Structures are given as structure tokens and as C-alpha cells.
Amino acid sequence: MQHMQHIHLSEISPIAELFQRYAPIILGYFRKRGTIAEDAEDLLLEVFTAAVENPRLITMPENEQVAWLQRVAHNKMIDHYRRQSYRQTVDLEQTANMLYAEDYSTPEHVVEQQESHAELWRHISQLPVAQQEALRLRFAQGLSSKEIAQRLKKSDMAIRGILSRAINVLRTVYSEI
């Protein structure tokens, strides 16, 4: 780290320059909103990973670069809290399932569950192949949208859209029943 302090900003890449200039500000933004230090650092890395992946960023005027970094930081923080909220929901559901496991072991319940699963698979099989694959990777394999995007060679936003459309179709089908 000492060696880095002696390097002039003009001697490093534009993204590294942005990082040196704005990382402390973005990190402060996360910390002021109650994000724990480890998560704030992870989010900061996500912001600058997105910066590296955006070839237009280094050609933008400085005020647009700052606005872009702030918008990405805000979005990354929202995604983080959504993931955190989802994890808490899953933990509560798993706990409830363990508490009431005895009620679910009756033969009647097993048959109902099998019928319910068969109906769900029937509805899923009617979705476009891309939606089926995204749902399988997300829920059967537990991959994040970013991991699915890498595996399917699509953007994270495209995968989020695919998953959203698939879930909305299933939600609509089940609300009509």
C-alpha cells in the first residue's frame, strides 16, 4: 500500500484513478446507511467491477462518472438488502418447516404435495426454454442471477428480466386457480 501512495494519478489506469478518488466516498455512503464494514467493502468491489465492465465510463465527463458511480452504488445497496431480506425469509420458512414437520408427514399431505409439484412442473414446462433454464438454475441449483448470467452468457439484467417474467406468469396462473 505504501508503494501505491507514491504513484501519481496520471500513471495509473482511469478506473484505478476513479477508485482512488471515489472509493472512500462510496464506502462512506454505504456505511452511513448502516451497511456493516465487510458488506460495504463487498458492495464497493461490485460497484467498481461494474465500472470496469462499462467501457463508456472512462470517456464520460467527470460529473457523469460520479453520477453513474452513485447510481450503481445505490442499486447495489438495494440489491444487497433485497438478498438479505430473502435470506431472512428463507430462514424463517425453514424454521417453520422444521417445527411442523410432523404435520407434513401424513400420507394425505404427501399425496397433496406430489400433486402440487406435478402441477407446478406442468406450468413450468409450458414456459419458454430460457425461462425454464433460468428458473432451474436459480431455484434448483441456488445460483444468483449474476452466476446464471455468466453461465448462459447473458447480462445480469437480462436474467433478472427472464426470471421476473417467468415468476409473474406462474404467479398469474396460481392466482387464477
C-alpha atoms as a PDB file:
ATOM      1  CA  MET A   1       0.000   0.000   0.000  1.00  0.00           C
ATOM      2  CA  GLN A   2       2.918   2.348   0.726  1.00  0.00           C
ATOM      3  CA  HIS A   3       4.152   1.900  -2.834  1.00  0.00           C
ATOM      4  CA  MET A   4       0.759   2.935  -4.221  1.00  0.00           C
ATOM      5  CA  GLN A   5       0.886   6.289  -2.424  1.00  0.00           C
ATOM      6  CA  HIS A   6       3.953   7.372  -4.404  1.00  0.00           C
ATOM      7  CA  ILE A   7       2.309   6.781  -7.783  1.00  0.00           C
ATOM      8  CA  HIS A   8       0.825   9.842  -9.431  1.00  0.00           C
ATOM      9  CA  LEU A   9      -2.753   9.568 -10.658  1.00  0.00           C
ATOM     10  CA  SER A  10      -1.598  10.183 -14.235  1.00  0.00           C
ATOM     11  CA  GLU A  11       0.496   6.983 -14.079  1.00  0.00           C
ATOM     12  CA  ILE A  12      -2.413   4.623 -13.345  1.00  0.00           C
ATOM     13  CA  SER A  13      -5.437   3.454 -15.314  1.00  0.00           C
ATOM     14  CA  PRO A  14      -8.532   5.648 -15.487  1.00  0.00           C
ATOM     15  CA  ILE A  15     -10.564   3.108 -13.467  1.00  0.00           C
ATOM     16  CA  ALA A  16      -7.861   2.941 -10.791  1.00  0.00           C
ATOM     17  CA  GLU A  17      -7.896   6.722 -10.708  1.00  0.00           C
ATOM     18  CA  LEU A  18     -11.676   6.695 -10.232  1.00  0.00           C
ATOM     19  CA  PHE A  19     -11.256   4.114  -7.486  1.00  0.00           C
ATOM     20  CA  GLN A  20      -8.651   6.192  -5.641  1.00  0.00           C
ATOM     21  CA  ARG A  21     -10.757   9.304  -5.950  1.00  0.00           C
ATOM     22  CA  TYR A  22     -14.248   7.956  -5.183  1.00  0.00           C
ATOM     23  CA  ALA A  23     -13.900   4.681  -3.249  1.00  0.00           C
ATOM     24  CA  PRO A  24     -13.744   6.452   0.139  1.00  0.00           C
ATOM     25  CA  ILE A  25     -16.861   8.465  -0.713  1.00  0.00           C
ATOM     26  CA  ILE A  26     -18.819   5.416  -1.888  1.00  0.00           C
ATOM     27  CA  LEU A  27     -17.665   3.396   1.103  1.00  0.00           C
ATOM     28  CA  GLY A  28     -18.842   6.244   3.355  1.00  0.00           C
ATOM     29  CA  TYR A  29     -22.195   6.229   1.553  1.00  0.00           C
ATOM     30  CA  PHE A  30     -22.655   2.528   2.359  1.00  0.00           C
ATOM     31  CA  ARG A  31     -21.517   2.930   5.963  1.00  0.00           C
ATOM     32  CA  LYS A  32     -23.847   5.917   6.593  1.00  0.00           C
ATOM     33  CA  ARG A  33     -26.752   3.738   5.541  1.00  0.00           C
ATOM     34  CA  GLY A  34     -25.922   1.131   8.157  1.00  0.00           C
ATOM     35  CA  THR A  35     -24.138  -1.420   5.988  1.00  0.00           C
ATOM     36  CA  ILE A  36     -21.615  -3.410   8.023  1.00  0.00           C
ATOM     37  CA  ALA A  37     -17.968  -2.923   7.061  1.00  0.00           C
ATOM     38  CA  GLU A  38     -17.498  -6.296   5.317  1.00  0.00           C
ATOM     39  CA  ASP A  39     -20.667  -5.890   3.252  1.00  0.00           C
ATOM     40  CA  ALA A  40     -19.769  -2.281   2.412  1.00  0.00           C
ATOM     41  CA  GLU A  41     -16.386  -3.433   1.099  1.00  0.00           C
ATOM     42  CA  ASP A  42     -18.033  -6.192  -0.950  1.00  0.00           C
ATOM     43  CA  LEU A  43     -20.511  -3.688  -2.390  1.00  0.00           C
ATOM     44  CA  LEU A  44     -17.675  -1.295  -3.200  1.00  0.00           C
ATOM     45  CA  LEU A  45     -15.969  -4.064  -5.172  1.00  0.00           C
ATOM     46  CA  GLU A  46     -19.230  -4.766  -7.010  1.00  0.00           C
ATOM     47  CA  VAL A  47     -19.524  -1.077  -7.947  1.00  0.00           C
ATOM     48  CA  PHE A  48     -16.006  -0.954  -9.355  1.00  0.00           C
ATOM     49  CA  THR A  49     -16.404  -4.324 -11.065  1.00  0.00           C
ATOM     50  CA  ALA A  50     -19.375  -2.776 -12.874  1.00  0.00           C
ATOM     51  CA  ALA A  51     -17.164   0.245 -13.638  1.00  0.00           C
ATOM     52  CA  VAL A  52     -14.520  -1.971 -15.232  1.00  0.00           C
ATOM     53  CA  GLU A  53     -17.224  -3.712 -17.284  1.00  0.00           C
ATOM     54  CA  ASN A  54     -18.570  -0.386 -18.622  1.00  0.00           C
ATOM     55  CA  PRO A  55     -16.242   0.732 -21.443  1.00  0.00           C
ATOM     56  CA  ARG A  56     -18.065   4.076 -21.834  1.00  0.00           C
ATOM     57  CA  LEU A  57     -17.453   5.162 -18.235  1.00  0.00           C
ATOM     58  CA  ILE A  58     -13.891   6.399 -18.783  1.00  0.00           C
ATOM     59  CA  THR A  59     -14.995   8.556 -21.718  1.00  0.00           C
ATOM     60  CA  MET A  60     -17.770  10.298 -19.762  1.00  0.00           C
ATOM     61  CA  PRO A  61     -17.291  13.767 -18.276  1.00  0.00           C
ATOM     62  CA  GLU A  62     -16.356  13.661 -14.592  1.00  0.00           C
ATOM     63  CA  ASN A  63     -19.792  14.770 -13.356  1.00  0.00           C
ATOM     64  CA  GLU A  64     -21.444  11.931 -15.344  1.00  0.00           C
ATOM     65  CA  GLN A  65     -18.895   9.441 -13.986  1.00  0.00           C
ATOM     66  CA  VAL A  66     -19.722  10.479 -10.430  1.00  0.00           C
ATOM     67  CA  ALA A  67     -23.469  10.274 -11.105  1.00  0.00           C
ATOM     68  CA  TRP A  68     -23.021   6.830 -12.703  1.00  0.00           C
ATOM     69  CA  LEU A  69     -20.968   5.544  -9.738  1.00  0.00           C
ATOM     70  CA  GLN A  70     -23.536   6.907  -7.265  1.00  0.00           C
ATOM     71  CA  ARG A  71     -26.425   5.291  -9.157  1.00  0.00           C
ATOM     72  CA  VAL A  72     -24.623   1.934  -9.323  1.00  0.00           C
ATOM     73  CA  ALA A  73     -23.725   2.157  -5.603  1.00  0.00           C
ATOM     74  CA  HIS A  74     -27.356   2.891  -4.748  1.00  0.00           C
ATOM     75  CA  ASN A  75     -28.602  -0.014  -6.880  1.00  0.00           C
ATOM     76  CA  LYS A  76     -26.013  -2.421  -5.467  1.00  0.00           C
ATOM     77  CA  MET A  77     -27.053  -1.484  -1.929  1.00  0.00           C
ATOM     78  CA  ILE A  78     -30.737  -2.059  -2.750  1.00  0.00           C
ATOM     79  CA  ASP A  79     -29.898  -5.445  -4.289  1.00  0.00           C
ATOM     80  CA  HIS A  80     -27.896  -6.303  -1.173  1.00  0.00           C
ATOM     81  CA  TYR A  81     -30.812  -5.530   1.138  1.00  0.00           C
ATOM     82  CA  ARG A  82     -33.209  -7.466  -1.084  1.00  0.00           C
ATOM     83  CA  ARG A  83     -30.919 -10.506  -0.961  1.00  0.00           C
ATOM     84  CA  GLN A  84     -30.587 -10.110   2.793  1.00  0.00           C
ATOM     85  CA  SER A  85     -34.374  -9.880   3.174  1.00  0.00           C
ATOM     86  CA  TYR A  86     -34.803 -13.005   1.014  1.00  0.00           C
ATOM     87  CA  ARG A  87     -32.305 -14.933   3.146  1.00  0.00           C
ATOM     88  CA  GLN A  88     -34.162 -13.966   6.318  1.00  0.00           C
ATOM     89  CA  THR A  89     -37.449 -15.118   4.778  1.00  0.00           C
ATOM     90  CA  VAL A  90     -35.949 -18.439   3.768  1.00  0.00           C
ATOM     91  CA  ASP A  91     -34.505 -18.970   7.240  1.00  0.00           C
ATOM     92  CA  LEU A  92     -37.900 -18.308   8.847  1.00  0.00           C
ATOM     93  CA  GLU A  93     -39.614 -20.641   6.388  1.00  0.00           C
ATOM     94  CA  GLN A  94     -37.065 -23.378   7.015  1.00  0.00           C
ATOM     95  CA  THR A  95     -37.501 -22.977  10.766  1.00  0.00           C
ATOM     96  CA  ALA A  96     -41.287 -23.148  10.470  1.00  0.00           C
ATOM     97  CA  ASN A  97     -40.992 -26.235   8.282  1.00  0.00           C
ATOM     98  CA  MET A  98     -38.825 -27.974  10.876  1.00  0.00           C
ATOM     99  CA  LEU A  99     -41.256 -27.096  13.690  1.00  0.00           C
ATOM    100  CA  TYR A 100     -44.242 -28.504  11.833  1.00  0.00           C
ATOM    101  CA  ALA A 101     -42.516 -31.388  10.044  1.00  0.00           C
ATOM    102  CA  GLU A 102     -44.643 -33.954  11.880  1.00  0.00           C
ATOM    103  CA  ASP A 103     -47.829 -32.444  10.416  1.00  0.00           C
ATOM    104  CA  TYR A 104     -46.423 -32.821   6.915  1.00  0.00           C
ATOM    105  CA  SER A 105     -45.529 -36.486   7.153  1.00  0.00           C
ATOM    106  CA  THR A 106     -49.087 -37.811   6.876  1.00  0.00           C
ATOM    107  CA  PRO A 107     -49.868 -39.856   3.748  1.00  0.00           C
ATOM    108  CA  GLU A 108     -52.563 -37.353   2.743  1.00  0.00           C
ATOM    109  CA  HIS A 109     -50.117 -34.496   2.852  1.00  0.00           C
ATOM    110  CA  VAL A 110     -47.513 -36.423   0.851  1.00  0.00           C
ATOM    111  CA  VAL A 111     -50.074 -37.087  -1.908  1.00  0.00           C
ATOM    112  CA  GLU A 112     -51.188 -33.427  -1.905  1.00  0.00           C
ATOM    113  CA  GLN A 113     -47.555 -32.329  -2.136  1.00  0.00           C
ATOM    114  CA  GLN A 114     -46.874 -34.677  -5.054  1.00  0.00           C
ATOM    115  CA  GLU A 115     -49.943 -33.383  -6.903  1.00  0.00           C
ATOM    116  CA  SER A 116     -48.894 -29.797  -6.223  1.00  0.00           C
ATOM    117  CA  HIS A 117     -45.371 -30.460  -7.532  1.00  0.00           C
ATOM    118  CA  ALA A 118     -46.730 -32.156 -10.643  1.00  0.00           C
ATOM    119  CA  GLU A 119     -48.987 -29.163 -11.320  1.00  0.00           C
ATOM    120  CA  LEU A 120     -46.090 -26.743 -10.838  1.00  0.00           C
ATOM    121  CA  TRP A 121     -43.869 -28.714 -13.238  1.00  0.00           C
ATOM    122  CA  ARG A 122     -46.699 -28.798 -15.789  1.00  0.00           C
ATOM    123  CA  HIS A 123     -46.912 -24.987 -15.672  1.00  0.00           C
ATOM    124  CA  ILE A 124     -43.131 -24.584 -15.801  1.00  0.00           C
ATOM    125  CA  SER A 125     -42.897 -26.903 -18.819  1.00  0.00           C
ATOM    126  CA  GLN A 126     -45.195 -24.504 -20.727  1.00  0.00           C
ATOM    127  CA  LEU A 127     -42.775 -21.594 -20.244  1.00  0.00           C
ATOM    128  CA  PRO A 128     -40.187 -20.683 -22.900  1.00  0.00           C
ATOM    129  CA  VAL A 129     -36.994 -22.757 -22.648  1.00  0.00           C
ATOM    130  CA  ALA A 130     -34.904 -19.754 -21.492  1.00  0.00           C
ATOM    131  CA  GLN A 131     -37.294 -19.146 -18.588  1.00  0.00           C
ATOM    132  CA  GLN A 132     -37.299 -22.831 -17.655  1.00  0.00           C
ATOM    133  CA  GLU A 133     -33.498 -22.921 -17.615  1.00  0.00           C
ATOM    134  CA  ALA A 134     -33.201 -19.702 -15.588  1.00  0.00           C
ATOM    135  CA  LEU A 135     -35.735 -20.993 -13.023  1.00  0.00           C
ATOM    136  CA  ARG A 136     -33.905 -24.327 -12.777  1.00  0.00           C
ATOM    137  CA  LEU A 137     -30.541 -22.658 -12.201  1.00  0.00           C
ATOM    138  CA  ARG A 138     -31.977 -20.154  -9.716  1.00  0.00           C
ATOM    139  CA  PHE A 139     -34.161 -22.398  -7.588  1.00  0.00           C
ATOM    140  CA  ALA A 140     -32.874 -25.935  -8.123  1.00  0.00           C
ATOM    141  CA  GLN A 141     -29.176 -25.063  -8.104  1.00  0.00           C
ATOM    142  CA  GLY A 142     -29.383 -21.903  -5.979  1.00  0.00           C
ATOM    143  CA  LEU A 143     -27.349 -19.745  -8.359  1.00  0.00           C
ATOM    144  CA  SER A 144     -27.565 -15.953  -8.209  1.00  0.00           C
ATOM    145  CA  SER A 145     -28.734 -14.020 -11.258  1.00  0.00           C
ATOM    146  CA  LYS A 146     -25.137 -12.944 -11.846  1.00  0.00           C
ATOM    147  CA  GLU A 147     -23.946 -16.574 -11.821  1.00  0.00           C
ATOM    148  CA  ILE A 148     -26.786 -17.577 -14.155  1.00  0.00           C
ATOM    149  CA  ALA A 149     -25.873 -14.706 -16.474  1.00  0.00           C
ATOM    150  CA  GLN A 150     -22.285 -15.917 -16.654  1.00  0.00           C
ATOM    151  CA  ARG A 151     -23.337 -19.496 -17.293  1.00  0.00           C
ATOM    152  CA  LEU A 152     -25.865 -18.560 -20.006  1.00  0.00           C
ATOM    153  CA  LYS A 153     -23.659 -15.805 -21.453  1.00  0.00           C
ATOM    154  CA  LYS A 154     -26.288 -13.112 -20.936  1.00  0.00           C
ATOM    155  CA  SER A 155     -26.315  -9.911 -18.925  1.00  0.00           C
ATOM    156  CA  ASP A 156     -27.401  -9.919 -15.289  1.00  0.00           C
ATOM    157  CA  MET A 157     -30.278  -7.577 -16.186  1.00  0.00           C
ATOM    158  CA  ALA A 158     -31.444  -9.950 -18.955  1.00  0.00           C
ATOM    159  CA  ILE A 159     -31.506 -12.853 -16.489  1.00  0.00           C
ATOM    160  CA  ARG A 160     -33.385 -10.780 -13.915  1.00  0.00           C
ATOM    161  CA  GLY A 161     -35.948  -9.950 -16.605  1.00  0.00           C
ATOM    162  CA  ILE A 162     -36.287 -13.583 -17.645  1.00  0.00           C
ATOM    163  CA  LEU A 163     -36.751 -14.708 -14.043  1.00  0.00           C
ATOM    164  CA  SER A 164     -39.210 -11.919 -13.329  1.00  0.00           C
ATOM    165  CA  ARG A 165     -41.353 -12.760 -16.364  1.00  0.00           C
ATOM    166  CA  ALA A 166     -41.342 -16.477 -15.509  1.00  0.00           C
ATOM    167  CA  ILE A 167     -42.324 -15.874 -11.897  1.00  0.00           C
ATOM    168  CA  ASN A 168     -45.035 -13.411 -12.940  1.00  0.00           C
ATOM    169  CA  VAL A 169     -46.515 -15.979 -15.337  1.00  0.00           C
ATOM    170  CA  LEU A 170     -46.541 -18.625 -12.610  1.00  0.00           C
ATOM    171  CA  ARG A 171     -47.967 -16.135 -10.104  1.00  0.00           C
ATOM    172  CA  THR A 172     -50.764 -15.285 -12.550  1.00  0.00           C
ATOM    173  CA  VAL A 173     -51.534 -18.955 -13.191  1.00  0.00           C
ATOM    174  CA  TYR A 174     -51.724 -19.712  -9.475  1.00  0.00           C
ATOM    175  CA  SER A 175     -53.814 -16.658  -8.662  1.00  0.00           C
ATOM    176  CA  GLU A 176     -56.419 -17.839 -11.207  1.00  0.00           C
ATOM    177  CA  ILE A 177     -56.710 -21.267  -9.562  1.00  0.00           C
END
